[in-house]
PDB file of N, CA and C in Angstrom:
ATOM      1  N   MET A   1     -15.885 -57.787  -1.512  1.00  0.00           N
ATOM      2  CA  MET A   1     -15.188 -58.356  -0.360  1.00  0.00           C
ATOM      3  C   MET A   1     -13.698 -58.073  -0.521  1.00  0.00           C
ATOM      4  N   SER A   2     -13.110 -57.692   0.547  1.00  0.00           N
ATOM      5  CA  SER A   2     -11.686 -57.362   0.565  1.00  0.00           C
ATOM      6  C   SER A   2     -10.842 -58.623   0.565  1.00  0.00           C
ATOM      7  N   ILE A   3      -9.717 -58.579  -0.150  1.00  0.00           N
ATOM      8  CA  ILE A   3      -8.817 -59.735  -0.115  1.00  0.00           C
ATOM      9  C   ILE A   3      -7.976 -59.729   1.157  1.00  0.00           C
ATOM     10  N   ASN A   4      -8.222 -58.743   2.036  1.00  0.00           N
ATOM     11  CA  ASN A   4      -7.544 -58.699   3.336  1.00  0.00           C
ATOM     12  C   ASN A   4      -8.262 -59.582   4.346  1.00  0.00           C
ATOM     13  N   LYS A   5      -9.522 -59.965   4.042  1.00  0.00           N
ATOM     14  CA  LYS A   5     -10.317 -60.743   4.999  1.00  0.00           C
ATOM     15  C   LYS A   5     -10.094 -62.227   4.732  1.00  0.00           C
ATOM     16  N   LEU A   6      -9.715 -62.931   5.791  1.00  0.00           N
ATOM     17  CA  LEU A   6      -9.376 -64.346   5.678  1.00  0.00           C
ATOM     18  C   LEU A   6     -10.357 -65.224   6.435  1.00  0.00           C
ATOM     19  N   PHE A   7     -10.664 -66.369   5.844  1.00  0.00           N
ATOM     20  CA  PHE A   7     -11.435 -67.416   6.514  1.00  0.00           C
ATOM     21  C   PHE A   7     -10.432 -68.312   7.229  1.00  0.00           C
ATOM     22  N   VAL A   8     -10.730 -68.658   8.475  1.00  0.00           N
ATOM     23  CA  VAL A   8      -9.865 -69.546   9.249  1.00  0.00           C
ATOM     24  C   VAL A   8     -10.727 -70.713   9.725  1.00  0.00           C
ATOM     25  N   GLY A   9     -10.451 -71.901   9.214  1.00  0.00           N
ATOM     26  CA  GLY A   9     -11.265 -73.061   9.548  1.00  0.00           C
ATOM     27  C   GLY A   9     -10.483 -74.139  10.266  1.00  0.00           C
ATOM     28  N   ASN A  10     -11.220 -75.120  10.780  1.00  0.00           N
ATOM     29  CA  ASN A  10     -10.686 -76.271  11.513  1.00  0.00           C
ATOM     30  C   ASN A  10      -9.989 -75.844  12.807  1.00  0.00           C
ATOM     31  N   LEU A  11     -10.532 -74.812  13.437  1.00  0.00           N
ATOM     32  CA  LEU A  11      -9.973 -74.345  14.711  1.00  0.00           C
ATOM     33  C   LEU A  11     -10.392 -75.269  15.845  1.00  0.00           C
ATOM     34  N   SER A  12      -9.535 -75.387  16.828  1.00  0.00           N
ATOM     35  CA  SER A  12      -9.876 -76.117  18.041  1.00  0.00           C
ATOM     36  C   SER A  12     -11.016 -75.373  18.741  1.00  0.00           C
ATOM     37  N   PHE A  13     -11.900 -76.105  19.392  1.00  0.00           N
ATOM     38  CA  PHE A  13     -13.003 -75.470  20.108  1.00  0.00           C
ATOM     39  C   PHE A  13     -12.515 -74.732  21.355  1.00  0.00           C
ATOM     40  N   ASN A  14     -11.238 -74.893  21.700  1.00  0.00           N
ATOM     41  CA  ASN A  14     -10.651 -74.163  22.828  1.00  0.00           C
ATOM     42  C   ASN A  14     -10.090 -72.802  22.407  1.00  0.00           C
ATOM     43  N   THR A  15     -10.028 -72.545  21.097  1.00  0.00           N
ATOM     44  CA  THR A  15      -9.456 -71.291  20.593  1.00  0.00           C
ATOM     45  C   THR A  15     -10.357 -70.112  20.945  1.00  0.00           C
ATOM     46  N   THR A  16      -9.740 -69.019  21.415  1.00  0.00           N
ATOM     47  CA  THR A  16     -10.478 -67.793  21.716  1.00  0.00           C
ATOM     48  C   THR A  16     -10.186 -66.742  20.644  1.00  0.00           C
ATOM     49  N   GLU A  17     -10.951 -65.647  20.644  1.00  0.00           N
ATOM     50  CA  GLU A  17     -10.677 -64.559  19.701  1.00  0.00           C
ATOM     51  C   GLU A  17      -9.289 -63.974  19.941  1.00  0.00           C
ATOM     52  N   ASN A  18      -8.855 -63.929  21.214  1.00  0.00           N
ATOM     53  CA  ASN A  18      -7.506 -63.434  21.511  1.00  0.00           C
ATOM     54  C   ASN A  18      -6.447 -64.353  20.914  1.00  0.00           C
ATOM     55  N   ASP A  19      -6.665 -65.671  21.000  1.00  0.00           N
ATOM     56  CA  ASP A  19      -5.735 -66.630  20.396  1.00  0.00           C
ATOM     57  C   ASP A  19      -5.643 -66.395  18.886  1.00  0.00           C
ATOM     58  N   LEU A  20      -6.798 -66.199  18.278  1.00  0.00           N
ATOM     59  CA  LEU A  20      -6.867 -65.974  16.834  1.00  0.00           C
ATOM     60  C   LEU A  20      -6.088 -64.705  16.461  1.00  0.00           C
ATOM     61  N   GLN A  21      -6.319 -63.649  17.215  1.00  0.00           N
ATOM     62  CA  GLN A  21      -5.619 -62.382  16.979  1.00  0.00           C
ATOM     63  C   GLN A  21      -4.110 -62.576  17.115  1.00  0.00           C
ATOM     64  N   ASP A  22      -3.693 -63.255  18.167  1.00  0.00           N
ATOM     65  CA  ASP A  22      -2.260 -63.464  18.411  1.00  0.00           C
ATOM     66  C   ASP A  22      -1.606 -64.296  17.309  1.00  0.00           C
ATOM     67  N   MET A  23      -2.318 -65.326  16.824  1.00  0.00           N
ATOM     68  CA  MET A  23      -1.785 -66.179  15.758  1.00  0.00           C
ATOM     69  C   MET A  23      -1.438 -65.360  14.521  1.00  0.00           C
ATOM     70  N   PHE A  24      -2.338 -64.440  14.164  1.00  0.00           N
ATOM     71  CA  PHE A  24      -2.177 -63.679  12.927  1.00  0.00           C
ATOM     72  C   PHE A  24      -1.334 -62.423  13.109  1.00  0.00           C
ATOM     73  N   ALA A  25      -1.234 -61.921  14.330  1.00  0.00           N
ATOM     74  CA  ALA A  25      -0.455 -60.704  14.589  1.00  0.00           C
ATOM     75  C   ALA A  25       1.023 -60.904  14.263  1.00  0.00           C
ATOM     76  N   ALA A  26       1.492 -62.136  14.298  1.00  0.00           N
ATOM     77  CA  ALA A  26       2.886 -62.426  13.970  1.00  0.00           C
ATOM     78  C   ALA A  26       3.178 -62.168  12.488  1.00  0.00           C
ATOM     79  N   HIS A  27       2.121 -62.001  11.676  1.00  0.00           N
ATOM     80  CA  HIS A  27       2.294 -61.853  10.223  1.00  0.00           C
ATOM     81  C   HIS A  27       1.824 -60.501   9.701  1.00  0.00           C
ATOM     82  N   GLY A  28       1.479 -59.595  10.613  1.00  0.00           N
ATOM     83  CA  GLY A  28       1.041 -58.262  10.204  1.00  0.00           C
ATOM     84  C   GLY A  28       0.059 -57.680  11.203  1.00  0.00           C
ATOM     85  N   THR A  29      -0.541 -56.564  10.818  1.00  0.00           N
ATOM     86  CA  THR A  29      -1.495 -55.880  11.690  1.00  0.00           C
ATOM     87  C   THR A  29      -2.886 -56.476  11.513  1.00  0.00           C
ATOM     88  N   VAL A  30      -3.442 -56.966  12.599  1.00  0.00           N
ATOM     89  CA  VAL A  30      -4.787 -57.544  12.580  1.00  0.00           C
ATOM     90  C   VAL A  30      -5.780 -56.417  12.860  1.00  0.00           C
ATOM     91  N   GLN A  31      -6.663 -56.159  11.900  1.00  0.00           N
ATOM     92  CA  GLN A  31      -7.685 -55.134  12.100  1.00  0.00           C
ATOM     93  C   GLN A  31      -8.873 -55.684  12.880  1.00  0.00           C
ATOM     94  N   GLU A  32      -9.188 -56.962  12.625  1.00  0.00           N
ATOM     95  CA  GLU A  32     -10.350 -57.561  13.278  1.00  0.00           C
ATOM     96  C   GLU A  32     -10.184 -59.077  13.305  1.00  0.00           C
ATOM     97  N   ALA A  33     -10.589 -59.690  14.397  1.00  0.00           N
ATOM     98  CA  ALA A  33     -10.598 -61.147  14.517  1.00  0.00           C
ATOM     99  C   ALA A  33     -11.943 -61.556  15.108  1.00  0.00           C
ATOM    100  N   ASN A  34     -12.689 -62.370  14.367  1.00  0.00           N
ATOM    101  CA  ASN A  34     -14.009 -62.818  14.825  1.00  0.00           C
ATOM    102  C   ASN A  34     -14.078 -64.331  14.834  1.00  0.00           C
ATOM    103  N   LEU A  35     -14.431 -64.884  15.969  1.00  0.00           N
ATOM    104  CA  LEU A  35     -14.643 -66.318  16.107  1.00  0.00           C
ATOM    105  C   LEU A  35     -16.151 -66.542  16.016  1.00  0.00           C
ATOM    106  N   MET A  36     -16.585 -67.427  15.137  1.00  0.00           N
ATOM    107  CA  MET A  36     -18.018 -67.670  14.980  1.00  0.00           C
ATOM    108  C   MET A  36     -18.514 -68.581  16.098  1.00  0.00           C
ATOM    109  N   MET A  37     -19.598 -68.156  16.722  1.00  0.00           N
ATOM    110  CA  MET A  37     -20.169 -68.889  17.852  1.00  0.00           C
ATOM    111  C   MET A  37     -21.538 -69.452  17.470  1.00  0.00           C
ATOM    112  N   ASP A  38     -21.880 -70.601  18.048  1.00  0.00           N
ATOM    113  CA  ASP A  38     -23.188 -71.195  17.838  1.00  0.00           C
ATOM    114  C   ASP A  38     -24.231 -70.371  18.585  1.00  0.00           C
ATOM    115  N   ARG A  39     -25.290 -69.989  17.885  1.00  0.00           N
ATOM    116  CA  ARG A  39     -26.323 -69.145  18.509  1.00  0.00           C
ATOM    117  C   ARG A  39     -27.011 -69.833  19.680  1.00  0.00           C
ATOM    118  N   ASP A  40     -27.267 -71.122  19.552  1.00  0.00           N
ATOM    119  CA  ASP A  40     -28.016 -71.834  20.590  1.00  0.00           C
ATOM    120  C   ASP A  40     -27.164 -72.170  21.811  1.00  0.00           C
ATOM    121  N   SER A  41     -25.970 -72.725  21.586  1.00  0.00           N
ATOM    122  CA  SER A  41     -25.167 -73.195  22.714  1.00  0.00           C
ATOM    123  C   SER A  41     -24.166 -72.155  23.212  1.00  0.00           C
ATOM    124  N   GLY A  42     -23.829 -71.170  22.361  1.00  0.00           N
ATOM    125  CA  GLY A  42     -22.832 -70.183  22.752  1.00  0.00           C
ATOM    126  C   GLY A  42     -21.406 -70.694  22.651  1.00  0.00           C
ATOM    127  N   ARG A  43     -21.239 -71.910  22.120  1.00  0.00           N
ATOM    128  CA  ARG A  43     -19.899 -72.495  21.977  1.00  0.00           C
ATOM    129  C   ARG A  43     -19.317 -72.136  20.616  1.00  0.00           C
ATOM    130  N   PRO A  44     -17.977 -72.142  20.511  1.00  0.00           N
ATOM    131  CA  PRO A  44     -17.341 -71.854  19.215  1.00  0.00           C
ATOM    132  C   PRO A  44     -17.740 -72.893  18.171  1.00  0.00           C
ATOM    133  N   ARG A  45     -17.844 -72.455  16.899  1.00  0.00           N
ATOM    134  CA  ARG A  45     -18.224 -73.361  15.814  1.00  0.00           C
ATOM    135  C   ARG A  45     -17.013 -73.930  15.086  1.00  0.00           C
ATOM    136  N   GLY A  46     -15.791 -73.510  15.466  1.00  0.00           N
ATOM    137  CA  GLY A  46     -14.595 -74.087  14.858  1.00  0.00           C
ATOM    138  C   GLY A  46     -14.056 -73.318  13.668  1.00  0.00           C
ATOM    139  N   PHE A  47     -14.613 -72.117  13.429  1.00  0.00           N
ATOM    140  CA  PHE A  47     -14.069 -71.279  12.370  1.00  0.00           C
ATOM    141  C   PHE A  47     -14.270 -69.818  12.705  1.00  0.00           C
ATOM    142  N   GLY A  48     -13.557 -68.973  11.963  1.00  0.00           N
ATOM    143  CA  GLY A  48     -13.666 -67.540  12.195  1.00  0.00           C
ATOM    144  C   GLY A  48     -13.112 -66.768  11.014  1.00  0.00           C
ATOM    145  N   PHE A  49     -13.033 -65.454  11.188  1.00  0.00           N
ATOM    146  CA  PHE A  49     -12.537 -64.569  10.148  1.00  0.00           C
ATOM    147  C   PHE A  49     -11.546 -63.599  10.753  1.00  0.00           C
ATOM    148  N   VAL A  50     -10.485 -63.321  10.005  1.00  0.00           N
ATOM    149  CA  VAL A  50      -9.470 -62.359  10.437  1.00  0.00           C
ATOM    150  C   VAL A  50      -9.273 -61.373   9.302  1.00  0.00           C
ATOM    151  N   THR A  51      -9.285 -60.075   9.622  1.00  0.00           N
ATOM    152  CA  THR A  51      -9.019 -59.041   8.621  1.00  0.00           C
ATOM    153  C   THR A  51      -7.649 -58.449   8.886  1.00  0.00           C
ATOM    154  N   MET A  52      -6.761 -58.580   7.903  1.00  0.00           N
ATOM    155  CA  MET A  52      -5.418 -58.018   7.991  1.00  0.00           C
ATOM    156  C   MET A  52      -5.444 -56.620   7.360  1.00  0.00           C
ATOM    157  N   SER A  53      -4.433 -55.783   7.660  1.00  0.00           N
ATOM    158  CA  SER A  53      -4.471 -54.408   7.167  1.00  0.00           C
ATOM    159  C   SER A  53      -4.093 -54.252   5.699  1.00  0.00           C
ATOM    160  N   THR A  54      -3.321 -55.202   5.132  1.00  0.00           N
ATOM    161  CA  THR A  54      -2.967 -55.110   3.711  1.00  0.00           C
ATOM    162  C   THR A  54      -3.085 -56.483   3.054  1.00  0.00           C
ATOM    163  N   PRO A  55      -3.268 -56.507   1.736  1.00  0.00           N
ATOM    164  CA  PRO A  55      -3.311 -57.790   1.030  1.00  0.00           C
ATOM    165  C   PRO A  55      -2.003 -58.577   1.187  1.00  0.00           C
ATOM    166  N   GLU A  56      -0.881 -57.864   1.265  1.00  0.00           N
ATOM    167  CA  GLU A  56       0.411 -58.535   1.427  1.00  0.00           C
ATOM    168  C   GLU A  56       0.485 -59.265   2.777  1.00  0.00           C
ATOM    169  N   GLU A  57      -0.020 -58.618   3.831  1.00  0.00           N
ATOM    170  CA  GLU A  57      -0.039 -59.263   5.152  1.00  0.00           C
ATOM    171  C   GLU A  57      -0.982 -60.471   5.139  1.00  0.00           C
ATOM    172  N   ALA A  58      -2.107 -60.331   4.441  1.00  0.00           N
ATOM    173  CA  ALA A  58      -3.050 -61.448   4.340  1.00  0.00           C
ATOM    174  C   ALA A  58      -2.385 -62.639   3.652  1.00  0.00           C
ATOM    175  N   GLN A  59      -1.662 -62.381   2.551  1.00  0.00           N
ATOM    176  CA  GLN A  59      -0.981 -63.459   1.838  1.00  0.00           C
ATOM    177  C   GLN A  59       0.109 -64.094   2.702  1.00  0.00           C
ATOM    178  N   ALA A  60       0.821 -63.268   3.468  1.00  0.00           N
ATOM    179  CA  ALA A  60       1.863 -63.792   4.357  1.00  0.00           C
ATOM    180  C   ALA A  60       1.248 -64.706   5.419  1.00  0.00           C
ATOM    181  N   ALA A  61       0.104 -64.316   5.947  1.00  0.00           N
ATOM    182  CA  ALA A  61      -0.572 -65.130   6.961  1.00  0.00           C
ATOM    183  C   ALA A  61      -1.055 -66.452   6.362  1.00  0.00           C
ATOM    184  N   ILE A  62      -1.601 -66.398   5.139  1.00  0.00           N
ATOM    185  CA  ILE A  62      -2.049 -67.625   4.468  1.00  0.00           C
ATOM    186  C   ILE A  62      -0.855 -68.562   4.289  1.00  0.00           C
ATOM    187  N   ALA A  63       0.245 -68.013   3.769  1.00  0.00           N
ATOM    188  CA  ALA A  63       1.438 -68.830   3.515  1.00  0.00           C
ATOM    189  C   ALA A  63       1.968 -69.470   4.799  1.00  0.00           C
ATOM    190  N   ALA A  64       1.935 -68.718   5.899  1.00  0.00           N
ATOM    191  CA  ALA A  64       2.502 -69.216   7.153  1.00  0.00           C
ATOM    192  C   ALA A  64       1.566 -70.155   7.910  1.00  0.00           C
ATOM    193  N   LEU A  65       0.251 -69.914   7.846  1.00  0.00           N
ATOM    194  CA  LEU A  65      -0.669 -70.626   8.738  1.00  0.00           C
ATOM    195  C   LEU A  65      -1.537 -71.698   8.086  1.00  0.00           C
ATOM    196  N   ASN A  66      -1.741 -71.633   6.764  1.00  0.00           N
ATOM    197  CA  ASN A  66      -2.583 -72.648   6.116  1.00  0.00           C
ATOM    198  C   ASN A  66      -1.912 -74.012   6.234  1.00  0.00           C
ATOM    199  N   GLY A  67      -2.607 -74.968   6.842  1.00  0.00           N
ATOM    200  CA  GLY A  67      -2.069 -76.308   7.029  1.00  0.00           C
ATOM    201  C   GLY A  67      -1.253 -76.473   8.306  1.00  0.00           C
ATOM    202  N   LYS A  68      -0.988 -75.367   9.017  1.00  0.00           N
ATOM    203  CA  LYS A  68      -0.207 -75.455  10.253  1.00  0.00           C
ATOM    204  C   LYS A  68      -1.043 -76.103  11.348  1.00  0.00           C
ATOM    205  N   SER A  69      -0.415 -76.976  12.126  1.00  0.00           N
ATOM    206  CA  SER A  69      -1.117 -77.667  13.200  1.00  0.00           C
ATOM    207  C   SER A  69      -1.135 -76.802  14.462  1.00  0.00           C
ATOM    208  N   ILE A  70      -2.341 -76.460  14.917  1.00  0.00           N
ATOM    209  CA  ILE A  70      -2.541 -75.702  16.161  1.00  0.00           C
ATOM    210  C   ILE A  70      -3.499 -76.523  17.018  1.00  0.00           C
ATOM    211  N   ASP A  71      -3.111 -76.836  18.238  1.00  0.00           N
ATOM    212  CA  ASP A  71      -3.923 -77.683  19.128  1.00  0.00           C
ATOM    213  C   ASP A  71      -4.292 -79.006  18.458  1.00  0.00           C
ATOM    214  N   GLY A  72      -3.367 -79.556  17.675  1.00  0.00           N
ATOM    215  CA  GLY A  72      -3.601 -80.845  17.045  1.00  0.00           C
ATOM    216  C   GLY A  72      -4.506 -80.813  15.828  1.00  0.00           C
ATOM    217  N   ARG A  73      -4.820 -79.614  15.322  1.00  0.00           N
ATOM    218  CA  ARG A  73      -5.703 -79.495  14.153  1.00  0.00           C
ATOM    219  C   ARG A  73      -4.996 -78.683  13.076  1.00  0.00           C
ATOM    220  N   ALA A  74      -5.033 -79.173  11.834  1.00  0.00           N
ATOM    221  CA  ALA A  74      -4.412 -78.461  10.714  1.00  0.00           C
ATOM    222  C   ALA A  74      -5.350 -77.346  10.262  1.00  0.00           C
ATOM    223  N   LEU A  75      -4.918 -76.097  10.414  1.00  0.00           N
ATOM    224  CA  LEU A  75      -5.753 -74.953  10.060  1.00  0.00           C
ATOM    225  C   LEU A  75      -5.989 -74.864   8.555  1.00  0.00           C
ATOM    226  N   THR A  76      -7.145 -74.348   8.191  1.00  0.00           N
ATOM    227  CA  THR A  76      -7.449 -73.973   6.812  1.00  0.00           C
ATOM    228  C   THR A  76      -7.510 -72.454   6.814  1.00  0.00           C
ATOM    229  N   VAL A  77      -6.630 -71.818   6.043  1.00  0.00           N
ATOM    230  CA  VAL A  77      -6.617 -70.357   5.979  1.00  0.00           C
ATOM    231  C   VAL A  77      -6.624 -69.950   4.515  1.00  0.00           C
ATOM    232  N   ASN A  78      -7.653 -69.204   4.104  1.00  0.00           N
ATOM    233  CA  ASN A  78      -7.705 -68.696   2.742  1.00  0.00           C
ATOM    234  C   ASN A  78      -8.522 -67.408   2.694  1.00  0.00           C
ATOM    235  N   VAL A  79      -8.549 -66.764   1.535  1.00  0.00           N
ATOM    236  CA  VAL A  79      -9.295 -65.517   1.388  1.00  0.00           C
ATOM    237  C   VAL A  79     -10.778 -65.828   1.561  1.00  0.00           C
ATOM    238  N   ALA A  80     -11.452 -65.045   2.384  1.00  0.00           N
ATOM    239  CA  ALA A  80     -12.878 -65.260   2.657  1.00  0.00           C
ATOM    240  C   ALA A  80     -13.699 -64.997   1.401  1.00  0.00           C
ATOM    241  N   LYS A  81     -14.719 -65.828   1.173  1.00  0.00           N
ATOM    242  CA  LYS A  81     -15.621 -65.639   0.042  1.00  0.00           C
ATOM    243  C   LYS A  81     -16.804 -64.776   0.488  1.00  0.00           C
ATOM    244  N   PRO A  82     -17.395 -64.048  -0.433  1.00  0.00           N
ATOM    245  CA  PRO A  82     -18.546 -63.212  -0.064  1.00  0.00           C
ATOM    246  C   PRO A  82     -19.702 -64.048   0.475  1.00  0.00           C
ATOM    247  N   ARG A  83     -20.392 -63.519   1.464  1.00  0.00           N
ATOM    248  CA  ARG A  83     -21.509 -64.223   2.093  1.00  0.00           C
ATOM    249  C   ARG A  83     -22.644 -64.470   1.095  1.00  0.00           C
ATOM    250  N   GLU A  84     -22.872 -63.554   0.145  1.00  0.00           N
ATOM    251  CA  GLU A  84     -23.987 -63.675  -0.788  1.00  0.00           C
ATOM    252  C   GLU A  84     -23.935 -64.977  -1.576  1.00  0.00           C
ATOM    253  N   GLU A  85     -22.751 -65.436  -1.953  1.00  0.00           N
ATOM    254  CA  GLU A  85     -22.639 -66.668  -2.730  1.00  0.00           C
ATOM    255  C   GLU A  85     -23.183 -67.858  -1.954  1.00  0.00           C
ATOM    256  N   ARG A  86     -22.862 -67.949  -0.674  1.00  0.00           N
ATOM    257  CA  ARG A  86     -23.288 -69.098   0.131  1.00  0.00           C
ATOM    258  C   ARG A  86     -24.791 -69.076   0.367  1.00  0.00           C
ATOM    259  N   SER A  87     -25.338 -67.940   0.793  1.00  0.00           N
ATOM    260  CA  SER A  87     -26.764 -67.908   1.118  1.00  0.00           C
ATOM    261  C   SER A  87     -27.610 -67.968  -0.153  1.00  0.00           C
ATOM    262  N   GLY A  88     -27.140 -67.397  -1.247  1.00  0.00           N
ATOM    263  CA  GLY A  88     -27.887 -67.424  -2.502  1.00  0.00           C
ATOM    264  C   GLY A  88     -28.049 -68.848  -3.016  1.00  0.00           C
ATOM    265  N   GLY A  89     -27.023 -69.670  -2.898  1.00  0.00           N
ATOM    266  CA  GLY A  89     -27.092 -71.044  -3.372  1.00  0.00           C
ATOM    267  C   GLY A  89     -28.120 -71.839  -2.596  1.00  0.00           C
ATOM    268  N   GLY A  90     -28.181 -71.661  -1.287  1.00  0.00           N
ATOM    269  CA  GLY A  90     -29.150 -72.382  -0.471  1.00  0.00           C
ATOM    270  C   GLY A  90     -30.565 -71.973  -0.804  1.00  0.00           C
ATOM    271  N   GLY A  91     -30.795 -70.680  -0.991  1.00  0.00           N
ATOM    272  CA  GLY A  91     -32.139 -70.191  -1.321  1.00  0.00           C
ATOM    273  C   GLY A  91     -32.588 -70.724  -2.667  1.00  0.00           C
ATOM    274  N   GLY A  92     -31.681 -70.757  -3.635  1.00  0.00           N
ATOM    275  CA  GLY A  92     -32.021 -71.245  -4.969  1.00  0.00           C
ATOM    276  C   GLY A  92     -32.407 -72.710  -4.936  1.00  0.00           C
ATOM    277  N   GLY A  93     -31.706 -73.497  -4.127  1.00  0.00           N
ATOM    278  CA  GLY A  93     -32.021 -74.921  -4.026  1.00  0.00           C
ATOM    279  C   GLY A  93     -33.411 -75.129  -3.470  1.00  0.00           C
ATOM    280  N   GLY A  94     -33.765 -74.339  -2.443  1.00  0.00           N
ATOM    281  CA  GLY A  94     -35.095 -74.453  -1.848  1.00  0.00           C
ATOM    282  C   GLY A  94     -36.167 -74.096  -2.855  1.00  0.00           C
ATOM    283  N   GLY A  95     -35.910 -73.060  -3.644  1.00  0.00           N
ATOM    284  CA  GLY A  95     -36.890 -72.625  -4.648  1.00  0.00           C
ATOM    285  C   GLY A  95     -37.109 -73.697  -5.694  1.00  0.00           C
ATOM    286  N   ARG A  96     -36.055 -74.353  -6.138  1.00  0.00           N
ATOM    287  CA  ARG A  96     -36.192 -75.394  -7.156  1.00  0.00           C
ATOM    288  C   ARG A  96     -37.011 -76.560  -6.615  1.00  0.00           C
ATOM    289  N   ARG A  97     -36.787 -76.933  -5.388  1.00  0.00           N
ATOM    290  CA  ARG A  97     -37.536 -78.052  -4.821  1.00  0.00           C
ATOM    291  C   ARG A  97     -39.027 -77.728  -4.767  1.00  0.00           C
ATOM    292  N   GLU A  98     -39.361 -76.538  -4.322  1.00  0.00           N
ATOM    293  CA  GLU A  98     -40.773 -76.164  -4.228  1.00  0.00           C
ATOM    294  C   GLU A  98     -41.416 -76.149  -5.610  1.00  0.00           C
ATOM    295  N   PHE A  99     -40.728 -75.593  -6.588  1.00  0.00           N
ATOM    296  CA  PHE A  99     -41.280 -75.489  -7.931  1.00  0.00           C
ATOM    297  C   PHE A  99     -41.457 -76.885  -8.523  1.00  0.00           C
ATOM    298  N   GLY A 100     -40.448 -77.753  -8.317  1.00  0.00           N
ATOM    299  CA  GLY A 100     -40.528 -79.115  -8.843  1.00  0.00           C
ATOM    300  C   GLY A 100     -41.695 -79.867  -8.236  1.00  0.00           C
ATOM    301  N   GLY A 101     -41.896 -79.703  -6.932  1.00  0.00           N
ATOM    302  CA  GLY A 101     -43.001 -80.390  -6.270  1.00  0.00           C
ATOM    303  C   GLY A 101     -44.342 -79.912  -6.792  1.00  0.00           C
ATOM    304  N   GLY A 102     -44.477 -78.623  -6.993  1.00  0.00           N
ATOM    305  CA  GLY A 102     -45.737 -78.064  -7.485  1.00  0.00           C
ATOM    306  C   GLY A 102     -46.017 -78.529  -8.898  1.00  0.00           C
ATOM    307  N   ARG A 103     -44.990 -78.597  -9.713  1.00  0.00           N
ATOM    308  CA  ARG A 103     -45.158 -78.977 -11.112  1.00  0.00           C
ATOM    309  C   ARG A 103     -45.614 -80.425 -11.223  1.00  0.00           C
ATOM    310  N   SER A 104     -44.968 -81.307 -10.484  1.00  0.00           N
ATOM    311  CA  SER A 104     -45.341 -82.714 -10.594  1.00  0.00           C
ATOM    312  C   SER A 104     -46.740 -82.939 -10.036  1.00  0.00           C
ATOM    313  N   GLY A 105     -47.117 -82.210  -9.001  1.00  0.00           N
ATOM    314  CA  GLY A 105     -48.461 -82.352  -8.442  1.00  0.00           C
ATOM    315  C   GLY A 105     -49.506 -81.920  -9.458  1.00  0.00           C
ATOM    316  N   GLY A 106     -49.235 -80.816 -10.161  1.00  0.00           N
ATOM    317  CA  GLY A 106     -50.186 -80.324 -11.164  1.00  0.00           C
ATOM    318  C   GLY A 106     -50.298 -81.299 -12.320  1.00  0.00           C
ATOM    319  N   GLY A 107     -49.180 -81.881 -12.741  1.00  0.00           N
ATOM    320  CA  GLY A 107     -49.182 -82.822 -13.851  1.00  0.00           C
ATOM    321  C   GLY A 107     -49.971 -84.070 -13.502  1.00  0.00           C
ATOM    322  N   GLY A 108     -49.815 -84.540 -12.289  1.00  0.00           N
ATOM    323  CA  GLY A 108     -50.537 -85.746 -11.866  1.00  0.00           C
ATOM    324  C   GLY A 108     -52.027 -85.520 -11.857  1.00  0.00           C
ATOM    325  N   GLY A 109     -52.442 -84.341 -11.393  1.00  0.00           N
ATOM    326  CA  GLY A 109     -53.872 -84.034 -11.351  1.00  0.00           C
ATOM    327  C   GLY A 109     -54.451 -83.983 -12.739  1.00  0.00           C
ATOM    328  N   GLY A 110     -53.696 -83.439 -13.710  1.00  0.00           N
ATOM    329  CA  GLY A 110     -54.195 -83.322 -15.081  1.00  0.00           C
ATOM    330  C   GLY A 110     -54.401 -84.684 -15.722  1.00  0.00           C
ATOM    331  N   ARG A 111     -53.530 -85.624 -15.453  1.00  0.00           N
ATOM    332  CA  ARG A 111     -53.651 -86.945 -16.055  1.00  0.00           C
ATOM    333  C   ARG A 111     -54.886 -87.682 -15.528  1.00  0.00           C
ATOM    334  N   ASN A 112     -55.207 -87.475 -14.271  1.00  0.00           N
ATOM    335  CA  ASN A 112     -56.344 -88.186 -13.691  1.00  0.00           C
ATOM    336  C   ASN A 112     -57.680 -87.709 -14.274  1.00  0.00           C
ATOM    337  N   ARG A 113     -57.734 -86.453 -14.677  1.00  0.00           N
ATOM    338  CA  ARG A 113     -58.996 -85.911 -15.164  1.00  0.00           C
ATOM    339  C   ARG A 113     -59.302 -86.372 -16.585  1.00  0.00           C
ATOM    340  N   TYR A 114     -58.316 -86.741 -17.385  1.00  0.00           N
ATOM    341  CA  TYR A 114     -58.596 -87.052 -18.795  1.00  0.00           C
ATOM    342  C   TYR A 114     -58.570 -88.500 -18.991  1.00  0.00           C
TER     343      TYR A 114
END
């Protein structure tokens, strides 16, 4: 994952991708601005990602915008974390629950037979 890609959280639900682009353009060249939308409702989810052209521009944007109040909400701006870390943790938790349930069920059955 590039350190040029930034996570932007706590956005107002009125924020558009153009607003996001404009906010960050003041601190460098914005290569991409994506606002995450809810699949079911089509409404914004309150966060997005912005890719700046250089790590220096990304750091300048973090310094200028993290904690800044936009539409009455204090933005969270930091370097985006890789997607694999988030989805891997959820999958691992599900696997542990299934294994734990199977193990205790097998143990209970064994005790009843003897």
